[in-house]
Amino acid sequence: MLSCLLSPSGTYQKTSSGTMEIRAAASGQSLQAYARTVLARDVAEPTLADAAAAARRTARSDVTASDVLAAVDDGRAGR
């Protein structure tokens, strides 16, 4: 029997249902519980695009090279 899984890239991949059944059994879970665990784990992590968007939202454009060098110097002085 073949089933389809949604990969992290958002595309569907055909996989043998036996693979998931084996992994579910190895984890001591039913197939349904294992699938729920896998999906929950997948959606708990931001995608690369989400992480990049968050970085762009929080990035400051007013930091100069002098600011960075001063912060490095301050860090080294604190050692």
PDB file of N, CA and C in Angstrom:
ATOM      1  N   MET A   1       0.839  -1.177   0.000  1.00  0.00           N
ATOM      2  CA  MET A   1       0.000   0.000   0.000  1.00  0.00           C
ATOM      3  C   MET A   1       0.885   1.242   0.000  1.00  0.00           C
ATOM      4  N   LEU A   2       0.544   2.204  -0.811  1.00  0.00           N
ATOM      5  CA  LEU A   2       1.289   3.451  -0.857  1.00  0.00           C
ATOM      6  C   LEU A   2       0.454   4.566  -0.273  1.00  0.00           C
ATOM      7  N   SER A   3       1.108   5.468   0.411  1.00  0.00           N
ATOM      8  CA  SER A   3       0.430   6.653   0.916  1.00  0.00           C
ATOM      9  C   SER A   3       1.277   7.849   0.558  1.00  0.00           C
ATOM     10  N   CYS A   4       0.722   9.023   0.713  1.00  0.00           N
ATOM     11  CA  CYS A   4       1.455  10.252   0.399  1.00  0.00           C
ATOM     12  C   CYS A   4       1.711  11.025   1.675  1.00  0.00           C
ATOM     13  N   LEU A   5       2.891  11.568   1.787  1.00  0.00           N
ATOM     14  CA  LEU A   5       3.259  12.413   2.911  1.00  0.00           C
ATOM     15  C   LEU A   5       3.615  13.787   2.389  1.00  0.00           C
ATOM     16  N   LEU A   6       3.263  14.806   3.138  1.00  0.00           N
ATOM     17  CA  LEU A   6       3.639  16.165   2.792  1.00  0.00           C
ATOM     18  C   LEU A   6       5.019  16.408   3.365  1.00  0.00           C
ATOM     19  N   SER A   7       5.971  16.683   2.500  1.00  0.00           N
ATOM     20  CA  SER A   7       7.339  16.904   2.950  1.00  0.00           C
ATOM     21  C   SER A   7       7.497  18.339   3.441  1.00  0.00           C
ATOM     22  N   PRO A   8       8.593  18.635   4.178  1.00  0.00           N
ATOM     23  CA  PRO A   8       8.817  20.009   4.646  1.00  0.00           C
ATOM     24  C   PRO A   8       8.847  21.043   3.517  1.00  0.00           C
ATOM     25  N   SER A   9       9.212  20.610   2.305  1.00  0.00           N
ATOM     26  CA  SER A   9       9.258  21.560   1.195  1.00  0.00           C
ATOM     27  C   SER A   9       7.864  21.853   0.644  1.00  0.00           C
ATOM     28  N   GLY A  10       6.842  21.157   1.186  1.00  0.00           N
ATOM     29  CA  GLY A  10       5.486  21.425   0.747  1.00  0.00           C
ATOM     30  C   GLY A  10       5.048  20.559  -0.415  1.00  0.00           C
ATOM     31  N   THR A  11       5.860  19.593  -0.801  1.00  0.00           N
ATOM     32  CA  THR A  11       5.498  18.698  -1.883  1.00  0.00           C
ATOM     33  C   THR A  11       5.108  17.346  -1.310  1.00  0.00           C
ATOM     34  N   TYR A  12       4.328  16.608  -2.069  1.00  0.00           N
ATOM     35  CA  TYR A  12       3.921  15.287  -1.620  1.00  0.00           C
ATOM     36  C   TYR A  12       4.912  14.248  -2.107  1.00  0.00           C
ATOM     37  N   GLN A  13       5.221  13.311  -1.235  1.00  0.00           N
ATOM     38  CA  GLN A  13       6.126  12.225  -1.583  1.00  0.00           C
ATOM     39  C   GLN A  13       5.410  10.911  -1.337  1.00  0.00           C
ATOM     40  N   LYS A  14       5.547   9.983  -2.267  1.00  0.00           N
ATOM     41  CA  LYS A  14       4.974   8.663  -2.056  1.00  0.00           C
ATOM     42  C   LYS A  14       5.897   7.886  -1.129  1.00  0.00           C
ATOM     43  N   THR A  15       5.310   7.187  -0.204  1.00  0.00           N
ATOM     44  CA  THR A  15       6.092   6.385   0.727  1.00  0.00           C
ATOM     45  C   THR A  15       5.331   5.113   1.045  1.00  0.00           C
ATOM     46  N   SER A  16       6.034   4.111   1.413  1.00  0.00           N
ATOM     47  CA  SER A  16       5.395   2.866   1.799  1.00  0.00           C
ATOM     48  C   SER A  16       4.779   3.057   3.175  1.00  0.00           C
ATOM     49  N   SER A  17       3.521   2.696   3.339  1.00  0.00           N
ATOM     50  CA  SER A  17       2.895   2.832   4.647  1.00  0.00           C
ATOM     51  C   SER A  17       3.589   1.945   5.660  1.00  0.00           C
ATOM     52  N   GLY A  18       4.257   0.913   5.194  1.00  0.00           N
ATOM     53  CA  GLY A  18       5.002   0.046   6.092  1.00  0.00           C
ATOM     54  C   GLY A  18       6.091   0.791   6.836  1.00  0.00           C
ATOM     55  N   THR A  19       6.698   1.776   6.202  1.00  0.00           N
ATOM     56  CA  THR A  19       7.751   2.557   6.847  1.00  0.00           C
ATOM     57  C   THR A  19       7.201   3.290   8.061  1.00  0.00           C
ATOM     58  N   MET A  20       6.065   3.931   7.875  1.00  0.00           N
ATOM     59  CA  MET A  20       5.469   4.652   9.005  1.00  0.00           C
ATOM     60  C   MET A  20       5.004   3.682  10.084  1.00  0.00           C
ATOM     61  N   GLU A  21       4.469   2.549   9.666  1.00  0.00           N
ATOM     62  CA  GLU A  21       4.021   1.560  10.642  1.00  0.00           C
ATOM     63  C   GLU A  21       5.194   1.045  11.471  1.00  0.00           C
ATOM     64  N   ILE A  22       6.318   0.822  10.828  1.00  0.00           N
ATOM     65  CA  ILE A  22       7.519   0.355  11.530  1.00  0.00           C
ATOM     66  C   ILE A  22       8.005   1.421  12.509  1.00  0.00           C
ATOM     67  N   ARG A  23       8.040   2.666  12.066  1.00  0.00           N
ATOM     68  CA  ARG A  23       8.485   3.753  12.949  1.00  0.00           C
ATOM     69  C   ARG A  23       7.516   3.960  14.114  1.00  0.00           C
ATOM     70  N   ALA A  24       6.225   3.835  13.837  1.00  0.00           N
ATOM     71  CA  ALA A  24       5.224   3.978  14.896  1.00  0.00           C
ATOM     72  C   ALA A  24       5.410   2.876  15.930  1.00  0.00           C
ATOM     73  N   ALA A  25       5.577   1.648  15.475  1.00  0.00           N
ATOM     74  CA  ALA A  25       5.763   0.525  16.391  1.00  0.00           C
ATOM     75  C   ALA A  25       7.045   0.693  17.197  1.00  0.00           C
ATOM     76  N   ALA A  26       8.109   1.152  16.540  1.00  0.00           N
ATOM     77  CA  ALA A  26       9.382   1.345  17.240  1.00  0.00           C
ATOM     78  C   ALA A  26       9.274   2.412  18.324  1.00  0.00           C
ATOM     79  N   SER A  27       8.379   3.377  18.122  1.00  0.00           N
ATOM     80  CA  SER A  27       8.201   4.432  19.115  1.00  0.00           C
ATOM     81  C   SER A  27       7.128   4.073  20.144  1.00  0.00           C
ATOM     82  N   GLY A  28       6.522   2.901  19.964  1.00  0.00           N
ATOM     83  CA  GLY A  28       5.500   2.463  20.906  1.00  0.00           C
ATOM     84  C   GLY A  28       4.180   3.182  20.741  1.00  0.00           C
ATOM     85  N   GLN A  29       3.896   3.677  19.527  1.00  0.00           N
ATOM     86  CA  GLN A  29       2.668   4.429  19.270  1.00  0.00           C
ATOM     87  C   GLN A  29       1.856   3.751  18.181  1.00  0.00           C
ATOM     88  N   SER A  30       0.566   4.043  18.175  1.00  0.00           N
ATOM     89  CA  SER A  30      -0.258   3.608  17.053  1.00  0.00           C
ATOM     90  C   SER A  30       0.147   4.437  15.838  1.00  0.00           C
ATOM     91  N   LEU A  31      -0.244   3.980  14.667  1.00  0.00           N
ATOM     92  CA  LEU A  31       0.071   4.722  13.449  1.00  0.00           C
ATOM     93  C   LEU A  31      -0.538   6.120  13.500  1.00  0.00           C
ATOM     94  N   GLN A  32      -1.775   6.221  13.975  1.00  0.00           N
ATOM     95  CA  GLN A  32      -2.440   7.522  14.061  1.00  0.00           C
ATOM     96  C   GLN A  32      -1.716   8.443  15.042  1.00  0.00           C
ATOM     97  N   ALA A  33      -1.334   7.925  16.200  1.00  0.00           N
ATOM     98  CA  ALA A  33      -0.626   8.740  17.193  1.00  0.00           C
ATOM     99  C   ALA A  33       0.739   9.163  16.670  1.00  0.00           C
ATOM    100  N   TYR A  34       1.425   8.257  15.985  1.00  0.00           N
ATOM    101  CA  TYR A  34       2.737   8.579  15.428  1.00  0.00           C
ATOM    102  C   TYR A  34       2.616   9.673  14.367  1.00  0.00           C
ATOM    103  N   ALA A  35       1.607   9.538  13.487  1.00  0.00           N
ATOM    104  CA  ALA A  35       1.409  10.558  12.449  1.00  0.00           C
ATOM    105  C   ALA A  35       1.117  11.913  13.079  1.00  0.00           C
ATOM    106  N   ARG A  36       0.309  11.920  14.135  1.00  0.00           N
ATOM    107  CA  ARG A  36       0.009  13.176  14.835  1.00  0.00           C
ATOM    108  C   ARG A  36       1.289  13.771  15.441  1.00  0.00           C
ATOM    109  N   THR A  37       2.132  12.924  16.022  1.00  0.00           N
ATOM    110  CA  THR A  37       3.395  13.379  16.609  1.00  0.00           C
ATOM    111  C   THR A  37       4.307  13.989  15.547  1.00  0.00           C
ATOM    112  N   VAL A  38       4.402  13.309  14.405  1.00  0.00           N
ATOM    113  CA  VAL A  38       5.255  13.805  13.315  1.00  0.00           C
ATOM    114  C   VAL A  38       4.744  15.141  12.801  1.00  0.00           C
ATOM    115  N   LEU A  39       3.434  15.251  12.617  1.00  0.00           N
ATOM    116  CA  LEU A  39       2.868  16.517  12.139  1.00  0.00           C
ATOM    117  C   LEU A  39       3.055  17.639  13.155  1.00  0.00           C
ATOM    118  N   ALA A  40       2.836  17.342  14.431  1.00  0.00           N
ATOM    119  CA  ALA A  40       2.998  18.367  15.466  1.00  0.00           C
ATOM    120  C   ALA A  40       4.436  18.846  15.526  1.00  0.00           C
ATOM    121  N   ARG A  41       5.377  17.916  15.414  1.00  0.00           N
ATOM    122  CA  ARG A  41       6.797  18.277  15.442  1.00  0.00           C
ATOM    123  C   ARG A  41       7.141  19.150  14.232  1.00  0.00           C
ATOM    124  N   ASP A  42       6.587  18.804  13.084  1.00  0.00           N
ATOM    125  CA  ASP A  42       6.885  19.540  11.864  1.00  0.00           C
ATOM    126  C   ASP A  42       6.352  20.972  11.918  1.00  0.00           C
ATOM    127  N   VAL A  43       5.142  21.154  12.392  1.00  0.00           N
ATOM    128  CA  VAL A  43       4.566  22.494  12.403  1.00  0.00           C
ATOM    129  C   VAL A  43       5.059  23.335  13.583  1.00  0.00           C
ATOM    130  N   ALA A  44       5.706  22.702  14.564  1.00  0.00           N
ATOM    131  CA  ALA A  44       6.229  23.458  15.706  1.00  0.00           C
ATOM    132  C   ALA A  44       7.466  24.260  15.317  1.00  0.00           C
ATOM    133  N   GLU A  45       8.167  23.830  14.305  1.00  0.00           N
ATOM    134  CA  GLU A  45       9.375  24.522  13.853  1.00  0.00           C
ATOM    135  C   GLU A  45       9.031  25.470  12.720  1.00  0.00           C
ATOM    136  N   PRO A  46       9.521  26.706  12.773  1.00  0.00           N
ATOM    137  CA  PRO A  46       9.241  27.619  11.659  1.00  0.00           C
ATOM    138  C   PRO A  46       9.970  27.164  10.398  1.00  0.00           C
ATOM    139  N   THR A  47       9.365  27.429   9.278  1.00  0.00           N
ATOM    140  CA  THR A  47      10.042  27.129   8.017  1.00  0.00           C
ATOM    141  C   THR A  47      11.193  28.110   7.839  1.00  0.00           C
ATOM    142  N   LEU A  48      12.080  27.809   6.934  1.00  0.00           N
ATOM    143  CA  LEU A  48      13.189  28.713   6.653  1.00  0.00           C
ATOM    144  C   LEU A  48      12.662  30.070   6.199  1.00  0.00           C
ATOM    145  N   ALA A  49      11.618  30.053   5.394  1.00  0.00           N
ATOM    146  CA  ALA A  49      11.029  31.311   4.920  1.00  0.00           C
ATOM    147  C   ALA A  49      10.447  32.107   6.085  1.00  0.00           C
ATOM    148  N   ASP A  50       9.773  31.420   7.036  1.00  0.00           N
ATOM    149  CA  ASP A  50       9.223  32.106   8.205  1.00  0.00           C
ATOM    150  C   ASP A  50      10.335  32.706   9.060  1.00  0.00           C
ATOM    151  N   ALA A  51      11.406  31.942   9.266  1.00  0.00           N
ATOM    152  CA  ALA A  51      12.527  32.433  10.073  1.00  0.00           C
ATOM    153  C   ALA A  51      13.196  33.634   9.409  1.00  0.00           C
ATOM    154  N   ALA A  52      13.352  33.579   8.092  1.00  0.00           N
ATOM    155  CA  ALA A  52      13.962  34.698   7.374  1.00  0.00           C
ATOM    156  C   ALA A  52      13.076  35.942   7.450  1.00  0.00           C
ATOM    157  N   ALA A  53      11.773  35.745   7.333  1.00  0.00           N
ATOM    158  CA  ALA A  53      10.840  36.882   7.422  1.00  0.00           C
ATOM    159  C   ALA A  53      10.899  37.500   8.817  1.00  0.00           C
ATOM    160  N   ALA A  54      10.969  36.675   9.851  1.00  0.00           N
ATOM    161  CA  ALA A  54      11.060  37.195  11.219  1.00  0.00           C
ATOM    162  C   ALA A  54      12.364  37.956  11.409  1.00  0.00           C
ATOM    163  N   ALA A  55      13.449  37.454  10.849  1.00  0.00           N
ATOM    164  CA  ALA A  55      14.736  38.146  10.957  1.00  0.00           C
ATOM    165  C   ALA A  55      14.682  39.503  10.259  1.00  0.00           C
ATOM    166  N   ARG A  56      14.031  39.540   9.106  1.00  0.00           N
ATOM    167  CA  ARG A  56      13.909  40.823   8.394  1.00  0.00           C
ATOM    168  C   ARG A  56      13.075  41.816   9.194  1.00  0.00           C
ATOM    169  N   ARG A  57      12.033  41.334   9.878  1.00  0.00           N
ATOM    170  CA  ARG A  57      11.175  42.236  10.660  1.00  0.00           C
ATOM    171  C   ARG A  57      11.914  42.819  11.859  1.00  0.00           C
ATOM    172  N   THR A  58      12.828  42.049  12.441  1.00  0.00           N
ATOM    173  CA  THR A  58      13.502  42.506  13.651  1.00  0.00           C
ATOM    174  C   THR A  58      14.878  43.106  13.383  1.00  0.00           C
ATOM    175  N   ALA A  59      15.346  43.017  12.152  1.00  0.00           N
ATOM    176  CA  ALA A  59      16.671  43.542  11.824  1.00  0.00           C
ATOM    177  C   ALA A  59      16.679  45.068  11.936  1.00  0.00           C
ATOM    178  N   ARG A  60      17.801  45.581  12.419  1.00  0.00           N
ATOM    179  CA  ARG A  60      17.952  47.041  12.509  1.00  0.00           C
ATOM    180  C   ARG A  60      18.862  47.497  11.389  1.00  0.00           C
ATOM    181  N   SER A  61      18.471  48.516  10.711  1.00  0.00           N
ATOM    182  CA  SER A  61      19.284  49.023   9.612  1.00  0.00           C
ATOM    183  C   SER A  61      20.151  50.204  10.040  1.00  0.00           C
ATOM    184  N   ASP A  62      20.002  50.646  11.299  1.00  0.00           N
ATOM    185  CA  ASP A  62      20.756  51.810  11.743  1.00  0.00           C
ATOM    186  C   ASP A  62      22.069  51.438  12.436  1.00  0.00           C
ATOM    187  N   VAL A  63      22.446  50.168  12.415  1.00  0.00           N
ATOM    188  CA  VAL A  63      23.706  49.738  13.029  1.00  0.00           C
ATOM    189  C   VAL A  63      24.825  49.937  12.014  1.00  0.00           C
ATOM    190  N   THR A  64      25.861  50.618  12.436  1.00  0.00           N
ATOM    191  CA  THR A  64      26.988  50.886  11.542  1.00  0.00           C
ATOM    192  C   THR A  64      28.134  49.932  11.839  1.00  0.00           C
ATOM    193  N   ALA A  65      29.112  49.916  10.959  1.00  0.00           N
ATOM    194  CA  ALA A  65      30.306  49.103  11.171  1.00  0.00           C
ATOM    195  C   ALA A  65      31.020  49.542  12.447  1.00  0.00           C
ATOM    196  N   SER A  66      31.017  50.824  12.726  1.00  0.00           N
ATOM    197  CA  SER A  66      31.635  51.336  13.954  1.00  0.00           C
ATOM    198  C   SER A  66      30.923  50.799  15.191  1.00  0.00           C
ATOM    199  N   ASP A  67      29.589  50.703  15.128  1.00  0.00           N
ATOM    200  CA  ASP A  67      28.821  50.129  16.238  1.00  0.00           C
ATOM    201  C   ASP A  67      29.225  48.680  16.484  1.00  0.00           C
ATOM    202  N   VAL A  68      29.380  47.935  15.418  1.00  0.00           N
ATOM    203  CA  VAL A  68      29.763  46.522  15.541  1.00  0.00           C
ATOM    204  C   VAL A  68      31.156  46.408  16.130  1.00  0.00           C
ATOM    205  N   LEU A  69      32.089  47.196  15.628  1.00  0.00           N
ATOM    206  CA  LEU A  69      33.465  47.141  16.138  1.00  0.00           C
ATOM    207  C   LEU A  69      33.525  47.563  17.606  1.00  0.00           C
ATOM    208  N   ALA A  70      32.749  48.554  17.990  1.00  0.00           N
ATOM    209  CA  ALA A  70      32.707  48.982  19.383  1.00  0.00           C
ATOM    210  C   ALA A  70      32.146  47.874  20.270  1.00  0.00           C
ATOM    211  N   ALA A  71      31.119  47.175  19.803  1.00  0.00           N
ATOM    212  CA  ALA A  71      30.546  46.072  20.573  1.00  0.00           C
ATOM    213  C   ALA A  71      31.551  44.938  20.719  1.00  0.00           C
ATOM    214  N   VAL A  72      32.301  44.659  19.670  1.00  0.00           N
ATOM    215  CA  VAL A  72      33.345  43.625  19.741  1.00  0.00           C
ATOM    216  C   VAL A  72      34.420  44.036  20.740  1.00  0.00           C
ATOM    217  N   ASP A  73      34.842  45.286  20.668  1.00  0.00           N
ATOM    218  CA  ASP A  73      35.859  45.786  21.617  1.00  0.00           C
ATOM    219  C   ASP A  73      35.354  45.699  23.056  1.00  0.00           C
ATOM    220  N   ASP A  74      34.096  46.079  23.269  1.00  0.00           N
ATOM    221  CA  ASP A  74      33.518  46.005  24.610  1.00  0.00           C
ATOM    222  C   ASP A  74      33.484  44.559  25.108  1.00  0.00           C
ATOM    223  N   GLY A  75      33.137  43.645  24.211  1.00  0.00           N
ATOM    224  CA  GLY A  75      33.103  42.239  24.583  1.00  0.00           C
ATOM    225  C   GLY A  75      34.483  41.711  24.947  1.00  0.00           C
ATOM    226  N   ARG A  76      35.481  42.146  24.194  1.00  0.00           N
ATOM    227  CA  ARG A  76      36.841  41.686  24.468  1.00  0.00           C
ATOM    228  C   ARG A  76      37.361  42.282  25.783  1.00  0.00           C
ATOM    229  N   ALA A  77      36.973  43.519  26.059  1.00  0.00           N
ATOM    230  CA  ALA A  77      37.419  44.164  27.295  1.00  0.00           C
ATOM    231  C   ALA A  77      36.813  43.492  28.514  1.00  0.00           C
ATOM    232  N   GLY A  78      35.662  42.882  28.357  1.00  0.00           N
ATOM    233  CA  GLY A  78      34.979  42.229  29.479  1.00  0.00           C
ATOM    234  C   GLY A  78      35.504  40.860  29.805  1.00  0.00           C
ATOM    235  N   ARG A  79      36.447  40.355  29.036  1.00  0.00           N
ATOM    236  CA  ARG A  79      36.973  39.004  29.283  1.00  0.00           C
ATOM    237  C   ARG A  79      37.880  38.969  30.476  1.00  0.00           C
TER     238      ARG A  79
END
